[in-house]
PDB file of N, CA and C in Angstrom:
ATOM      1  N   MET A   1       6.464   6.577  23.480  1.00  0.00           N
ATOM      2  CA  MET A   1       5.271   5.058  23.955  1.00  0.00           C
ATOM      3  C   MET A   1       5.984   3.773  22.795  1.00  0.00           C
ATOM      4  N   ALA A   2       6.365   3.016  23.823  1.00  0.00           N
ATOM      5  CA  ALA A   2       7.078   1.650  23.490  1.00  0.00           C
ATOM      6  C   ALA A   2       6.386   1.218  22.228  1.00  0.00           C
ATOM      7  N   LYS A   3       4.895   0.225  22.488  1.00  0.00           N
ATOM      8  CA  LYS A   3       4.238   0.005  21.819  1.00  0.00           C
ATOM      9  C   LYS A   3       3.821   0.275  20.616  1.00  0.00           C
ATOM     10  N   ALA A   4       3.814   1.903  20.775  1.00  0.00           N
ATOM     11  CA  ALA A   4       3.541   2.163  19.575  1.00  0.00           C
ATOM     12  C   ALA A   4       4.353   2.152  18.594  1.00  0.00           C
ATOM     13  N   GLU A   5       6.148   2.463  18.927  1.00  0.00           N
ATOM     14  CA  GLU A   5       6.756   1.961  18.102  1.00  0.00           C
ATOM     15  C   GLU A   5       7.192   0.315  17.918  1.00  0.00           C
ATOM     16  N   GLU A   6       6.558  -0.628  19.074  1.00  0.00           N
ATOM     17  CA  GLU A   6       7.270  -1.435  18.260  1.00  0.00           C
ATOM     18  C   GLU A   6       5.859  -2.113  17.422  1.00  0.00           C
ATOM     19  N   LEU A   7       4.830  -1.639  17.053  1.00  0.00           N
ATOM     20  CA  LEU A   7       3.885  -1.863  16.079  1.00  0.00           C
ATOM     21  C   LEU A   7       4.728  -1.199  14.759  1.00  0.00           C
ATOM     22  N   SER A   8       5.548  -0.196  14.782  1.00  0.00           N
ATOM     23  CA  SER A   8       5.417   0.700  13.450  1.00  0.00           C
ATOM     24  C   SER A   8       6.507  -0.219  13.188  1.00  0.00           C
ATOM     25  N   ASN A   9       6.944  -0.887  13.850  1.00  0.00           N
ATOM     26  CA  ASN A   9       8.552  -1.903  13.473  1.00  0.00           C
ATOM     27  C   ASN A   9       8.167  -2.876  12.603  1.00  0.00           C
ATOM     28  N   MET A  10       7.386  -3.414  13.009  1.00  0.00           N
ATOM     29  CA  MET A  10       6.458  -4.860  13.080  1.00  0.00           C
ATOM     30  C   MET A  10       6.316  -4.928  11.742  1.00  0.00           C
ATOM     31  N   PRO A  11       6.876  -6.034  10.811  1.00  0.00           N
ATOM     32  CA  PRO A  11       6.638  -6.396   9.679  1.00  0.00           C
ATOM     33  C   PRO A  11       5.402  -6.968   9.625  1.00  0.00           C
ATOM     34  N   TYR A  12       4.960  -7.129   8.267  1.00  0.00           N
ATOM     35  CA  TYR A  12       3.447  -7.027   7.571  1.00  0.00           C
ATOM     36  C   TYR A  12       3.114  -8.228   8.258  1.00  0.00           C
ATOM     37  N   GLU A  13       4.279  -9.274   8.095  1.00  0.00           N
ATOM     38  CA  GLU A  13       4.020 -10.701   8.095  1.00  0.00           C
ATOM     39  C   GLU A  13       3.310 -11.216   9.475  1.00  0.00           C
ATOM     40  N   GLN A  14       4.396 -10.469  10.131  1.00  0.00           N
ATOM     41  CA  GLN A  14       4.344 -10.710  11.925  1.00  0.00           C
ATOM     42  C   GLN A  14       2.824  -9.978  12.357  1.00  0.00           C
ATOM     43  N   ALA A  15       2.390  -8.637  12.430  1.00  0.00           N
ATOM     44  CA  ALA A  15       1.157  -8.029  12.744  1.00  0.00           C
ATOM     45  C   ALA A  15       0.003  -9.219  12.079  1.00  0.00           C
ATOM     46  N   ALA A  16       0.227  -9.685  10.632  1.00  0.00           N
ATOM     47  CA  ALA A  16      -1.121 -10.263  10.391  1.00  0.00           C
ATOM     48  C   ALA A  16      -0.927 -11.603  11.252  1.00  0.00           C
ATOM     49  N   MET A  17      -0.075 -12.119  11.984  1.00  0.00           N
ATOM     50  CA  MET A  17      -0.142 -13.662  12.643  1.00  0.00           C
ATOM     51  C   MET A  17      -0.971 -13.471  13.873  1.00  0.00           C
ATOM     52  N   GLU A  18       0.023 -11.597  14.549  1.00  0.00           N
ATOM     53  CA  GLU A  18      -0.622 -11.431  15.729  1.00  0.00           C
ATOM     54  C   GLU A  18      -1.895 -11.547  15.776  1.00  0.00           C
ATOM     55  N   LEU A  19      -2.236 -10.596  14.264  1.00  0.00           N
ATOM     56  CA  LEU A  19      -4.049 -10.206  14.367  1.00  0.00           C
ATOM     57  C   LEU A  19      -4.458 -11.628  14.614  1.00  0.00           C
ATOM     58  N   GLU A  20      -4.121 -12.380  13.705  1.00  0.00           N
ATOM     59  CA  GLU A  20      -4.892 -13.739  13.803  1.00  0.00           C
ATOM     60  C   GLU A  20      -4.703 -14.519  15.225  1.00  0.00           C
ATOM     61  N   SER A  21      -4.447 -14.476  16.028  1.00  0.00           N
ATOM     62  CA  SER A  21      -4.053 -15.035  17.555  1.00  0.00           C
ATOM     63  C   SER A  21      -4.544 -13.938  18.039  1.00  0.00           C
ATOM     64  N   VAL A  22      -5.415 -12.788  17.932  1.00  0.00           N
ATOM     65  CA  VAL A  22      -6.355 -11.608  18.463  1.00  0.00           C
ATOM     66  C   VAL A  22      -7.377 -12.106  18.525  1.00  0.00           C
ATOM     67  N   VAL A  23      -7.816 -12.207  16.676  1.00  0.00           N
ATOM     68  CA  VAL A  23      -8.908 -12.553  16.616  1.00  0.00           C
ATOM     69  C   VAL A  23      -9.654 -14.218  16.929  1.00  0.00           C
ATOM     70  N   ASN A  24      -8.916 -15.421  17.467  1.00  0.00           N
ATOM     71  CA  ASN A  24      -9.129 -16.352  17.931  1.00  0.00           C
ATOM     72  C   ASN A  24      -9.172 -15.997  18.919  1.00  0.00           C
ATOM     73  N   LEU A  25      -8.588 -15.637  20.164  1.00  0.00           N
ATOM     74  CA  LEU A  25      -9.265 -15.055  21.342  1.00  0.00           C
ATOM     75  C   LEU A  25      -9.862 -14.854  21.634  1.00  0.00           C
ATOM     76  N   LEU A  26     -10.199 -13.303  20.477  1.00  0.00           N
ATOM     77  CA  LEU A  26     -11.772 -12.794  20.917  1.00  0.00           C
ATOM     78  C   LEU A  26     -12.904 -13.862  20.519  1.00  0.00           C
ATOM     79  N   GLU A  27     -12.384 -14.633  19.876  1.00  0.00           N
ATOM     80  CA  GLU A  27     -13.402 -15.794  19.452  1.00  0.00           C
ATOM     81  C   GLU A  27     -13.517 -16.370  20.451  1.00  0.00           C
ATOM     82  N   SER A  28     -13.035 -16.641  21.765  1.00  0.00           N
ATOM     83  CA  SER A  28     -12.821 -17.854  21.887  1.00  0.00           C
ATOM     84  C   SER A  28     -13.550 -17.763  23.093  1.00  0.00           C
ATOM     85  N   GLY A  29     -13.959 -16.508  23.392  1.00  0.00           N
ATOM     86  CA  GLY A  29     -15.270 -16.028  24.254  1.00  0.00           C
ATOM     87  C   GLY A  29     -14.797 -16.160  26.190  1.00  0.00           C
ATOM     88  N   GLU A  30     -13.351 -16.665  25.908  1.00  0.00           N
ATOM     89  CA  GLU A  30     -12.596 -16.760  27.203  1.00  0.00           C
ATOM     90  C   GLU A  30     -12.413 -15.836  28.150  1.00  0.00           C
ATOM     91  N   LEU A  31     -12.545 -14.737  27.606  1.00  0.00           N
ATOM     92  CA  LEU A  31     -11.645 -13.207  28.119  1.00  0.00           C
ATOM     93  C   LEU A  31     -12.893 -12.715  29.202  1.00  0.00           C
ATOM     94  N   THR A  32     -12.049 -11.684  29.593  1.00  0.00           N
ATOM     95  CA  THR A  32     -12.985 -10.971  30.729  1.00  0.00           C
ATOM     96  C   THR A  32     -13.159  -9.671  29.485  1.00  0.00           C
ATOM     97  N   LEU A  33     -14.165  -8.736  29.967  1.00  0.00           N
ATOM     98  CA  LEU A  33     -15.352  -8.140  28.776  1.00  0.00           C
ATOM     99  C   LEU A  33     -13.743  -6.740  29.179  1.00  0.00           C
ATOM    100  N   GLU A  34     -13.546  -6.512  30.191  1.00  0.00           N
ATOM    101  CA  GLU A  34     -12.057  -5.462  30.102  1.00  0.00           C
ATOM    102  C   GLU A  34     -10.798  -5.883  29.257  1.00  0.00           C
ATOM    103  N   ASP A  35     -10.418  -7.277  29.072  1.00  0.00           N
ATOM    104  CA  ASP A  35      -9.422  -7.673  28.288  1.00  0.00           C
ATOM    105  C   ASP A  35      -9.785  -8.035  26.810  1.00  0.00           C
ATOM    106  N   SER A  36     -11.210  -7.808  26.682  1.00  0.00           N
ATOM    107  CA  SER A  36     -11.616  -8.092  25.662  1.00  0.00           C
ATOM    108  C   SER A  36     -11.297  -7.210  24.695  1.00  0.00           C
ATOM    109  N   ILE A  37     -12.114  -6.383  25.263  1.00  0.00           N
ATOM    110  CA  ILE A  37     -11.535  -4.478  24.955  1.00  0.00           C
ATOM    111  C   ILE A  37      -9.814  -4.071  24.712  1.00  0.00           C
ATOM    112  N   LYS A  38      -9.400  -4.347  25.672  1.00  0.00           N
ATOM    113  CA  LYS A  38      -7.801  -4.542  24.911  1.00  0.00           C
ATOM    114  C   LYS A  38      -7.760  -4.946  24.046  1.00  0.00           C
ATOM    115  N   MET A  39      -7.722  -6.389  23.914  1.00  0.00           N
ATOM    116  CA  MET A  39      -7.460  -7.511  22.614  1.00  0.00           C
ATOM    117  C   MET A  39      -8.350  -6.462  21.177  1.00  0.00           C
ATOM    118  N   PHE A  40      -9.685  -6.067  21.294  1.00  0.00           N
ATOM    119  CA  PHE A  40     -10.376  -5.549  20.757  1.00  0.00           C
ATOM    120  C   PHE A  40      -9.320  -4.111  19.615  1.00  0.00           C
ATOM    121  N   GLU A  41      -8.805  -3.155  20.751  1.00  0.00           N
ATOM    122  CA  GLU A  41      -8.254  -2.369  20.300  1.00  0.00           C
ATOM    123  C   GLU A  41      -6.623  -2.252  19.766  1.00  0.00           C
ATOM    124  N   LYS A  42      -6.085  -3.976  20.054  1.00  0.00           N
ATOM    125  CA  LYS A  42      -4.832  -4.288  19.783  1.00  0.00           C
ATOM    126  C   LYS A  42      -4.962  -4.416  18.548  1.00  0.00           C
ATOM    127  N   GLY A  43      -5.672  -5.392  18.323  1.00  0.00           N
ATOM    128  CA  GLY A  43      -6.388  -5.708  16.716  1.00  0.00           C
ATOM    129  C   GLY A  43      -6.648  -4.710  15.973  1.00  0.00           C
ATOM    130  N   VAL A  44      -7.646  -3.445  16.048  1.00  0.00           N
ATOM    131  CA  VAL A  44      -7.830  -2.051  15.531  1.00  0.00           C
ATOM    132  C   VAL A  44      -6.843  -1.675  15.572  1.00  0.00           C
ATOM    133  N   SER A  45      -5.483  -1.988  16.080  1.00  0.00           N
ATOM    134  CA  SER A  45      -3.823  -1.427  15.633  1.00  0.00           C
ATOM    135  C   SER A  45      -3.454  -2.127  14.430  1.00  0.00           C
ATOM    136  N   LEU A  46      -3.350  -3.136  14.755  1.00  0.00           N
ATOM    137  CA  LEU A  46      -3.346  -4.450  13.710  1.00  0.00           C
ATOM    138  C   LEU A  46      -3.075  -4.277  12.467  1.00  0.00           C
ATOM    139  N   VAL A  47      -4.723  -3.914  12.684  1.00  0.00           N
ATOM    140  CA  VAL A  47      -4.913  -4.081  11.191  1.00  0.00           C
ATOM    141  C   VAL A  47      -4.861  -2.640  10.281  1.00  0.00           C
ATOM    142  N   ARG A  48      -4.915  -1.838  11.285  1.00  0.00           N
ATOM    143  CA  ARG A  48      -4.285  -0.178  10.641  1.00  0.00           C
ATOM    144  C   ARG A  48      -3.181  -0.810  10.254  1.00  0.00           C
ATOM    145  N   LEU A  49      -2.110  -0.834  10.915  1.00  0.00           N
ATOM    146  CA  LEU A  49      -0.379  -1.495   9.940  1.00  0.00           C
ATOM    147  C   LEU A  49      -0.881  -2.286   9.029  1.00  0.00           C
ATOM    148  N   CYS A  50      -1.279  -3.162   9.062  1.00  0.00           N
ATOM    149  CA  CYS A  50      -1.487  -3.991   7.868  1.00  0.00           C
ATOM    150  C   CYS A  50      -1.807  -3.289   6.700  1.00  0.00           C
ATOM    151  N   ASN A  51      -2.864  -2.665   7.101  1.00  0.00           N
ATOM    152  CA  ASN A  51      -3.835  -1.931   5.755  1.00  0.00           C
ATOM    153  C   ASN A  51      -2.535  -0.844   5.962  1.00  0.00           C
ATOM    154  N   LYS A  52      -2.178  -0.331   6.163  1.00  0.00           N
ATOM    155  CA  LYS A  52      -0.717   1.264   5.923  1.00  0.00           C
ATOM    156  C   LYS A  52       0.554   0.114   4.974  1.00  0.00           C
ATOM    157  N   ARG A  53       0.697  -0.860   5.553  1.00  0.00           N
ATOM    158  CA  ARG A  53       1.973  -1.793   4.903  1.00  0.00           C
ATOM    159  C   ARG A  53       1.679  -2.072   3.318  1.00  0.00           C
ATOM    160  N   LEU A  54       0.174  -2.610   3.659  1.00  0.00           N
ATOM    161  CA  LEU A  54      -0.687  -3.207   1.816  1.00  0.00           C
ATOM    162  C   LEU A  54      -0.404  -1.621   1.388  1.00  0.00           C
ATOM    163  N   ASP A  55      -1.108  -0.639   1.909  1.00  0.00           N
ATOM    164  CA  ASP A  55      -0.778   0.077   0.869  1.00  0.00           C
ATOM    165  C   ASP A  55       0.717   1.322   0.442  1.00  0.00           C
ATOM    166  N   ASP A  56       1.663   0.947   1.551  1.00  0.00           N
ATOM    167  CA  ASP A  56       2.143   1.161   0.512  1.00  0.00           C
ATOM    168  C   ASP A  56       3.514   0.364  -0.351  1.00  0.00           C
ATOM    169  N   ILE A  57       3.350  -1.377  -0.262  1.00  0.00           N
ATOM    170  CA  ILE A  57       3.443  -1.989  -0.921  1.00  0.00           C
ATOM    171  C   ILE A  57       2.836  -1.342  -2.454  1.00  0.00           C
ATOM    172  N   GLU A  58       1.549  -1.252  -2.622  1.00  0.00           N
ATOM    173  CA  GLU A  58       1.311  -1.395  -3.657  1.00  0.00           C
ATOM    174  C   GLU A  58       1.218   0.064  -4.165  1.00  0.00           C
ATOM    175  N   LYS A  59       2.009   1.114  -3.772  1.00  0.00           N
ATOM    176  CA  LYS A  59       2.271   2.474  -4.422  1.00  0.00           C
ATOM    177  C   LYS A  59       3.210   1.892  -4.483  1.00  0.00           C
ATOM    178  N   ARG A  60       4.759   1.074  -4.141  1.00  0.00           N
ATOM    179  CA  ARG A  60       6.236   0.963  -5.174  1.00  0.00           C
ATOM    180  C   ARG A  60       5.714   0.188  -6.053  1.00  0.00           C
ATOM    181  N   ILE A  61       4.523  -0.864  -6.186  1.00  0.00           N
ATOM    182  CA  ILE A  61       4.248  -1.730  -7.414  1.00  0.00           C
ATOM    183  C   ILE A  61       4.902  -1.274  -8.696  1.00  0.00           C
ATOM    184  N   THR A  62       4.922  -1.341  -9.512  1.00  0.00           N
ATOM    185  CA  THR A  62       4.890  -1.030 -10.926  1.00  0.00           C
ATOM    186  C   THR A  62       5.222  -2.322 -11.794  1.00  0.00           C
ATOM    187  N   LEU A  63       4.361  -2.136 -12.937  1.00  0.00           N
ATOM    188  CA  LEU A  63       3.942  -3.367 -13.788  1.00  0.00           C
ATOM    189  C   LEU A  63       5.049  -3.194 -15.078  1.00  0.00           C
ATOM    190  N   LEU A  64       5.849  -4.101 -15.519  1.00  0.00           N
ATOM    191  CA  LEU A  64       6.664  -3.755 -15.829  1.00  0.00           C
ATOM    192  C   LEU A  64       6.165  -4.674 -17.123  1.00  0.00           C
ATOM    193  N   ILE A  65       5.376  -3.818 -18.333  1.00  0.00           N
ATOM    194  CA  ILE A  65       5.053  -4.050 -20.109  1.00  0.00           C
ATOM    195  C   ILE A  65       5.905  -4.199 -21.058  1.00  0.00           C
ATOM    196  N   GLU A  66       6.304  -4.862 -21.921  1.00  0.00           N
ATOM    197  CA  GLU A  66       6.847  -4.894 -22.869  1.00  0.00           C
ATOM    198  C   GLU A  66       6.159  -4.800 -24.086  1.00  0.00           C
ATOM    199  N   GLY A  67       6.392  -3.850 -24.309  1.00  0.00           N
ATOM    200  CA  GLY A  67       6.101  -3.313 -26.139  1.00  0.00           C
ATOM    201  C   GLY A  67       6.716  -3.081 -27.050  1.00  0.00           C
ATOM    202  N   LYS A  68       6.893  -2.504 -28.066  1.00  0.00           N
ATOM    203  CA  LYS A  68       7.351  -2.269 -28.859  1.00  0.00           C
ATOM    204  C   LYS A  68       8.577  -1.762 -29.078  1.00  0.00           C
ATOM    205  N   ASP A  69       8.316  -0.592 -28.068  1.00  0.00           N
ATOM    206  CA  ASP A  69       9.824   0.339 -27.571  1.00  0.00           C
ATOM    207  C   ASP A  69      10.312  -0.008 -26.446  1.00  0.00           C
ATOM    208  N   GLY A  70      10.134  -1.178 -25.923  1.00  0.00           N
ATOM    209  CA  GLY A  70      11.046  -2.175 -24.857  1.00  0.00           C
ATOM    210  C   GLY A  70      10.282  -2.509 -23.515  1.00  0.00           C
ATOM    211  N   VAL A  71      11.319  -1.986 -22.863  1.00  0.00           N
ATOM    212  CA  VAL A  71      10.092  -2.279 -21.428  1.00  0.00           C
ATOM    213  C   VAL A  71       9.466  -0.650 -20.862  1.00  0.00           C
ATOM    214  N   VAL A  72       8.596  -0.997 -20.507  1.00  0.00           N
ATOM    215  CA  VAL A  72       7.782  -0.013 -20.051  1.00  0.00           C
ATOM    216  C   VAL A  72       7.166   0.049 -18.558  1.00  0.00           C
ATOM    217  N   GLU A  73       7.832   1.418 -17.777  1.00  0.00           N
ATOM    218  CA  GLU A  73       7.026   1.371 -16.353  1.00  0.00           C
ATOM    219  C   GLU A  73       5.717   1.369 -16.378  1.00  0.00           C
ATOM    220  N   LYS A  74       4.821   1.349 -15.916  1.00  0.00           N
ATOM    221  CA  LYS A  74       3.540   1.607 -15.421  1.00  0.00           C
ATOM    222  C   LYS A  74       3.033   1.800 -14.424  1.00  0.00           C
ATOM    223  N   ASP A  75       2.047   2.813 -13.579  1.00  0.00           N
ATOM    224  CA  ASP A  75       1.895   2.377 -12.332  1.00  0.00           C
ATOM    225  C   ASP A  75       1.081   1.054 -12.684  1.00  0.00           C
ATOM    226  N   PHE A  76       0.812   0.782 -10.938  1.00  0.00           N
ATOM    227  CA  PHE A  76      -0.019  -0.367 -10.908  1.00  0.00           C
ATOM    228  C   PHE A  76      -1.794   0.192 -10.874  1.00  0.00           C
ATOM    229  N   LEU A  77      -1.944   0.911 -10.507  1.00  0.00           N
ATOM    230  CA  LEU A  77      -3.449   0.936 -10.758  1.00  0.00           C
ATOM    231  C   LEU A  77      -3.794   1.684 -11.838  1.00  0.00           C
ATOM    232  N   ALA A  78      -2.916   2.010 -13.067  1.00  0.00           N
ATOM    233  CA  ALA A  78      -2.873   2.504 -14.046  1.00  0.00           C
ATOM    234  C   ALA A  78      -3.737   2.137 -15.113  1.00  0.00           C
ATOM    235  N   GLU A  79      -4.939   2.007 -15.428  1.00  0.00           N
ATOM    236  CA  GLU A  79      -5.821   0.812 -16.734  1.00  0.00           C
ATOM    237  C   GLU A  79      -5.975   1.792 -17.903  1.00  0.00           C
ATOM    238  N   ASP A  80      -5.653   0.953 -18.868  1.00  0.00           N
ATOM    239  CA  ASP A  80      -5.292   1.171 -20.417  1.00  0.00           C
ATOM    240  C   ASP A  80      -7.108   1.415 -21.153  1.00  0.00           C
TER     241      ASP A  80
END
């Protein structure tokens, strides 16, 4: 399926811009019901992609904290 591959390779920034375009089209009210449903489905796919990209990035983020023992890597979500 070309569209799924196309989405999976899409950078976050591009997906977010396309999502904004989809929202604008849906809000315009100028689409037919069928086209609105197709745009909504595309929007849902883009939201899922953006959320996955953000989750993947969040997992990679670490805070570097300089303490008395030097620089210590700590998980982003860990709380002291």
